[in-house]
Amino acid sequence: MSSGGVGLGDMVFCSFVASIFGIAGGMSVLFLSNWLAAIALLPLYLRKKVSNRTKIPMIPFQYVSGLFIIILMYCNKNM
């Protein structure tokens, strides 16, 4: 159970991603997932559908970020 910060499941997934992509790739996924969450939740926050206290799972944003990093790595490899 988290006390308000990043949950255990998020950290386990970050460890898994870092073991695949390396430290730089893992940090990129973490950074990109935070930006994706901010962009996705901004309209909901402005409409008062979510508040500052609302707990948002970060795993879906980390999955999307991981897939995006994989696509970027694959595209750079083929160029």
N, C-alpha and C. Protein backbone atom coordinates (compact mmCIF):
# COMPACT_ATOMS: atom_id res chain seq x y z
N MET A 1 0.85 -1.18 0.00
CA MET A 1 0.00 0.00 0.00
C MET A 1 0.89 1.24 0.00
N SER A 2 0.56 2.16 -0.84
CA SER A 2 1.34 3.38 -0.97
C SER A 2 0.83 4.44 0.00
N SER A 3 1.74 5.27 0.45
CA SER A 3 1.34 6.34 1.37
C SER A 3 1.19 7.67 0.64
N GLY A 4 0.95 7.64 -0.66
CA GLY A 4 0.73 8.87 -1.40
C GLY A 4 1.71 9.09 -2.52
N GLY A 5 2.73 8.29 -2.62
CA GLY A 5 3.72 8.44 -3.68
C GLY A 5 3.50 7.42 -4.78
N VAL A 6 4.59 7.01 -5.38
CA VAL A 6 4.53 6.00 -6.42
C VAL A 6 4.30 4.65 -5.75
N GLY A 7 3.37 3.87 -6.30
CA GLY A 7 3.02 2.58 -5.71
C GLY A 7 4.04 1.50 -6.02
N LEU A 8 3.89 0.38 -5.36
CA LEU A 8 4.82 -0.73 -5.53
C LEU A 8 4.73 -1.32 -6.94
N GLY A 9 3.54 -1.43 -7.49
CA GLY A 9 3.39 -1.97 -8.84
C GLY A 9 4.07 -1.10 -9.88
N ASP A 10 4.01 0.20 -9.69
CA ASP A 10 4.69 1.12 -10.60
C ASP A 10 6.20 0.92 -10.54
N MET A 11 6.73 0.73 -9.35
CA MET A 11 8.16 0.56 -9.20
C MET A 11 8.64 -0.79 -9.73
N VAL A 12 7.82 -1.82 -9.56
CA VAL A 12 8.18 -3.13 -10.12
C VAL A 12 8.22 -3.04 -11.63
N PHE A 13 7.24 -2.37 -12.21
CA PHE A 13 7.24 -2.22 -13.67
C PHE A 13 8.41 -1.37 -14.13
N CYS A 14 8.75 -0.32 -13.41
CA CYS A 14 9.91 0.50 -13.77
C CYS A 14 11.19 -0.32 -13.70
N SER A 15 11.32 -1.19 -12.72
CA SER A 15 12.49 -2.06 -12.62
C SER A 15 12.55 -3.01 -13.81
N PHE A 16 11.41 -3.55 -14.19
CA PHE A 16 11.35 -4.45 -15.35
C PHE A 16 11.74 -3.71 -16.63
N VAL A 17 11.21 -2.51 -16.82
CA VAL A 17 11.53 -1.72 -18.00
C VAL A 17 13.00 -1.35 -18.02
N ALA A 18 13.54 -0.98 -16.88
CA ALA A 18 14.97 -0.63 -16.81
C ALA A 18 15.86 -1.83 -17.09
N SER A 19 15.40 -3.03 -16.72
CA SER A 19 16.20 -4.21 -17.02
C SER A 19 16.20 -4.53 -18.51
N ILE A 20 15.17 -4.12 -19.22
CA ILE A 20 15.11 -4.35 -20.66
C ILE A 20 15.82 -3.24 -21.43
N PHE A 21 15.50 -2.00 -21.12
CA PHE A 21 15.99 -0.86 -21.89
C PHE A 21 17.28 -0.27 -21.34
N GLY A 22 17.68 -0.65 -20.16
CA GLY A 22 18.81 -0.01 -19.51
C GLY A 22 18.34 1.17 -18.69
N ILE A 23 19.25 1.78 -17.97
CA ILE A 23 18.89 2.88 -17.07
C ILE A 23 18.35 4.07 -17.85
N ALA A 24 19.01 4.43 -18.95
CA ALA A 24 18.56 5.59 -19.74
C ALA A 24 17.19 5.35 -20.34
N GLY A 25 16.96 4.16 -20.85
CA GLY A 25 15.64 3.84 -21.42
C GLY A 25 14.56 3.80 -20.36
N GLY A 26 14.90 3.25 -19.20
CA GLY A 26 13.93 3.20 -18.10
C GLY A 26 13.55 4.59 -17.62
N MET A 27 14.54 5.46 -17.53
CA MET A 27 14.25 6.84 -17.14
C MET A 27 13.43 7.56 -18.21
N SER A 28 13.70 7.25 -19.47
CA SER A 28 12.93 7.85 -20.56
C SER A 28 11.47 7.42 -20.49
N VAL A 29 11.25 6.14 -20.22
CA VAL A 29 9.87 5.64 -20.09
C VAL A 29 9.18 6.31 -18.91
N LEU A 30 9.87 6.44 -17.79
CA LEU A 30 9.28 7.07 -16.61
C LEU A 30 8.95 8.54 -16.89
N PHE A 31 9.87 9.25 -17.52
CA PHE A 31 9.66 10.66 -17.84
C PHE A 31 8.50 10.83 -18.83
N LEU A 32 8.49 10.02 -19.88
CA LEU A 32 7.44 10.11 -20.89
C LEU A 32 6.08 9.74 -20.33
N SER A 33 6.04 8.73 -19.44
CA SER A 33 4.75 8.34 -18.87
C SER A 33 4.18 9.43 -17.98
N ASN A 34 5.02 10.16 -17.28
CA ASN A 34 4.52 11.27 -16.46
C ASN A 34 3.95 12.38 -17.35
N TRP A 35 4.60 12.66 -18.47
CA TRP A 35 4.07 13.67 -19.38
C TRP A 35 2.77 13.22 -20.03
N LEU A 36 2.69 11.95 -20.41
CA LEU A 36 1.44 11.43 -20.99
C LEU A 36 0.28 11.51 -20.00
N ALA A 37 0.56 11.18 -18.76
CA ALA A 37 -0.48 11.27 -17.72
C ALA A 37 -0.93 12.71 -17.53
N ALA A 38 0.02 13.63 -17.53
CA ALA A 38 -0.33 15.05 -17.36
C ALA A 38 -1.18 15.55 -18.52
N ILE A 39 -0.82 15.17 -19.73
CA ILE A 39 -1.58 15.61 -20.90
C ILE A 39 -2.97 14.97 -20.92
N ALA A 40 -3.05 13.70 -20.57
CA ALA A 40 -4.34 13.00 -20.58
C ALA A 40 -5.27 13.47 -19.47
N LEU A 41 -4.71 13.84 -18.32
CA LEU A 41 -5.54 14.20 -17.17
C LEU A 41 -5.84 15.68 -17.06
N LEU A 42 -5.15 16.50 -17.82
CA LEU A 42 -5.38 17.95 -17.75
C LEU A 42 -6.82 18.34 -18.08
N PRO A 43 -7.43 17.82 -19.16
CA PRO A 43 -8.84 18.18 -19.41
C PRO A 43 -9.78 17.72 -18.30
N LEU A 44 -9.52 16.55 -17.72
CA LEU A 44 -10.36 16.08 -16.62
C LEU A 44 -10.19 16.94 -15.37
N TYR A 45 -8.99 17.39 -15.14
CA TYR A 45 -8.73 18.26 -13.99
C TYR A 45 -9.41 19.61 -14.17
N LEU A 46 -9.36 20.15 -15.38
CA LEU A 46 -9.99 21.45 -15.64
C LEU A 46 -11.51 21.38 -15.55
N ARG A 47 -12.09 20.23 -15.86
CA ARG A 47 -13.55 20.04 -15.75
C ARG A 47 -13.97 19.60 -14.36
N LYS A 48 -13.03 19.52 -13.44
CA LYS A 48 -13.28 19.13 -12.04
C LYS A 48 -13.76 17.68 -11.91
N LYS A 49 -13.39 16.82 -12.85
CA LYS A 49 -13.73 15.39 -12.76
C LYS A 49 -12.75 14.65 -11.84
N VAL A 50 -11.52 15.14 -11.78
CA VAL A 50 -10.53 14.59 -10.86
C VAL A 50 -9.97 15.73 -10.02
N SER A 51 -9.45 15.38 -8.87
CA SER A 51 -8.86 16.40 -7.99
C SER A 51 -7.40 16.06 -7.73
N ASN A 52 -6.78 16.84 -6.88
CA ASN A 52 -5.38 16.60 -6.52
C ASN A 52 -5.22 15.30 -5.74
N ARG A 53 -6.26 14.87 -5.05
CA ARG A 53 -6.20 13.68 -4.20
C ARG A 53 -6.55 12.40 -4.95
N THR A 54 -7.01 12.49 -6.18
CA THR A 54 -7.41 11.31 -6.94
C THR A 54 -6.18 10.45 -7.25
N LYS A 55 -6.29 9.15 -6.96
CA LYS A 55 -5.19 8.23 -7.23
C LYS A 55 -5.32 7.74 -8.67
N ILE A 56 -4.27 7.96 -9.43
CA ILE A 56 -4.25 7.60 -10.84
C ILE A 56 -3.23 6.48 -11.03
N PRO A 57 -3.63 5.33 -11.60
CA PRO A 57 -2.63 4.29 -11.87
C PRO A 57 -1.74 4.71 -13.03
N MET A 58 -0.44 4.56 -12.85
CA MET A 58 0.52 4.98 -13.87
C MET A 58 0.89 3.86 -14.83
N ILE A 59 0.53 2.63 -14.52
CA ILE A 59 0.93 1.49 -15.36
C ILE A 59 0.45 1.64 -16.81
N PRO A 60 -0.80 2.05 -17.09
CA PRO A 60 -1.18 2.19 -18.51
C PRO A 60 -0.32 3.22 -19.25
N PHE A 61 0.03 4.29 -18.60
CA PHE A 61 0.87 5.30 -19.23
C PHE A 61 2.29 4.77 -19.42
N GLN A 62 2.76 3.94 -18.51
CA GLN A 62 4.09 3.35 -18.65
C GLN A 62 4.11 2.32 -19.78
N TYR A 63 3.02 1.57 -19.95
CA TYR A 63 2.94 0.63 -21.08
C TYR A 63 3.02 1.37 -22.40
N VAL A 64 2.24 2.43 -22.54
CA VAL A 64 2.24 3.20 -23.78
C VAL A 64 3.62 3.81 -24.03
N SER A 65 4.23 4.33 -23.00
CA SER A 65 5.56 4.91 -23.13
C SER A 65 6.58 3.86 -23.52
N GLY A 66 6.48 2.67 -22.93
CA GLY A 66 7.39 1.58 -23.28
C GLY A 66 7.25 1.17 -24.73
N LEU A 67 6.01 1.08 -25.20
CA LEU A 67 5.78 0.75 -26.61
C LEU A 67 6.33 1.83 -27.52
N PHE A 68 6.17 3.07 -27.13
CA PHE A 68 6.70 4.18 -27.93
C PHE A 68 8.22 4.12 -28.00
N ILE A 69 8.87 3.83 -26.90
CA ILE A 69 10.33 3.71 -26.88
C ILE A 69 10.78 2.53 -27.74
N ILE A 70 10.05 1.42 -27.69
CA ILE A 70 10.38 0.27 -28.53
C ILE A 70 10.28 0.64 -30.00
N ILE A 71 9.22 1.34 -30.37
CA ILE A 71 9.05 1.77 -31.76
C ILE A 71 10.18 2.70 -32.18
N LEU A 72 10.55 3.64 -31.33
CA LEU A 72 11.66 4.53 -31.65
C LEU A 72 12.97 3.77 -31.80
N MET A 73 13.20 2.81 -30.93
CA MET A 73 14.43 2.02 -31.03
C MET A 73 14.45 1.19 -32.31
N TYR A 74 13.32 0.64 -32.68
CA TYR A 74 13.24 -0.17 -33.89
C TYR A 74 13.42 0.70 -35.14
N CYS A 75 12.81 1.89 -35.15
CA CYS A 75 12.96 2.78 -36.29
C CYS A 75 14.39 3.28 -36.44
N ASN A 76 15.06 3.58 -35.36
CA ASN A 76 16.45 4.02 -35.43
C ASN A 76 17.38 2.91 -35.88
N LYS A 77 17.03 1.66 -35.55
CA LYS A 77 17.87 0.54 -35.93
C LYS A 77 17.79 0.28 -37.44
N ASN A 78 16.63 0.51 -38.03
CA ASN A 78 16.43 0.23 -39.45
C ASN A 78 16.84 1.38 -40.36
N MET A 79 17.19 2.52 -39.81
CA MET A 79 17.53 3.66 -40.67
C MET A 79 18.94 3.63 -41.09
